Amino acid sequence: MKTQIVLADDHASVREMLASVLGVERDLQITGHADCGVAALRMCETQRPDLMLLDLNMPQLNGVEVLRRVRLHFPKIRVLVYSGTSNQSLIIEALRARPNGFVSKTESLQTLRDGIHAVIAGGSYFSGFVSGLLFESGSIRRNPNSTALSPRENEVLQLIAEGRSTKEISAQLNVACKTIEHHREHLMAKLNIHEVASLTRYAISAGLISVE
């Protein structure tokens, strides 16, 4: 039986490249493409793939939050992070969310293949780039502000930083506008940030959104 894989990346060219490269593997089958975090979670629910290749910088819901929710709601789905980020804080937060592996997009496709097969076999795989970064950092240290927000507040923060209005966020999250305003007030108070521009800068530094 082939291993069913979902590709979660906001760049269509990356998804198409991965589908082409992995499609020739006899034991692998690409069963879905997701261009944002919300779509990635929806595919986990509807398709229950064996493996997800997950980018970190994605709109609507970033890869770290997707990974946390997959771990909570779909623990049988194995996740291999495949990201081009060099943001150390974001990489560390992703590792804390317990992926089965992490391969940098700066490394070879053979490294990605090795990682996929290691994770499918029940093991873990962390490429040299990631291991080297952690070695240089000395240890994994949590950014104190990164844990100050609840998962919902992180989600609202990302959407605010992406330029969504309160009404748009309300519709996407299916909650009242007053609830979104409440989350906005709380996260601003927790971070001691009271301007949208400053919130956006914080979201970029925390890896919630990308300027790439």
Foldseek 3Di string as FASTA:
>chain_A
DAFEEEEEALDPVVVVVCCVVCVVPPRHDYDYYHNALVRVLVCCVPPVGQEYAAEAAGALFGRLLSLLVCCVPPVNRAYEYEYQDPQLLSLLSSVVSPHQEYDYPVDDVVLVVVQVVQVSVPHGYYDPVSVVSCVVVVHRDHDVLVPLADSVLLSLLRCLLVVDDLVRVCVVVVHDSVVSVVSVVVSCVSVVHDDSVVSNVVCCSNSSHHPD
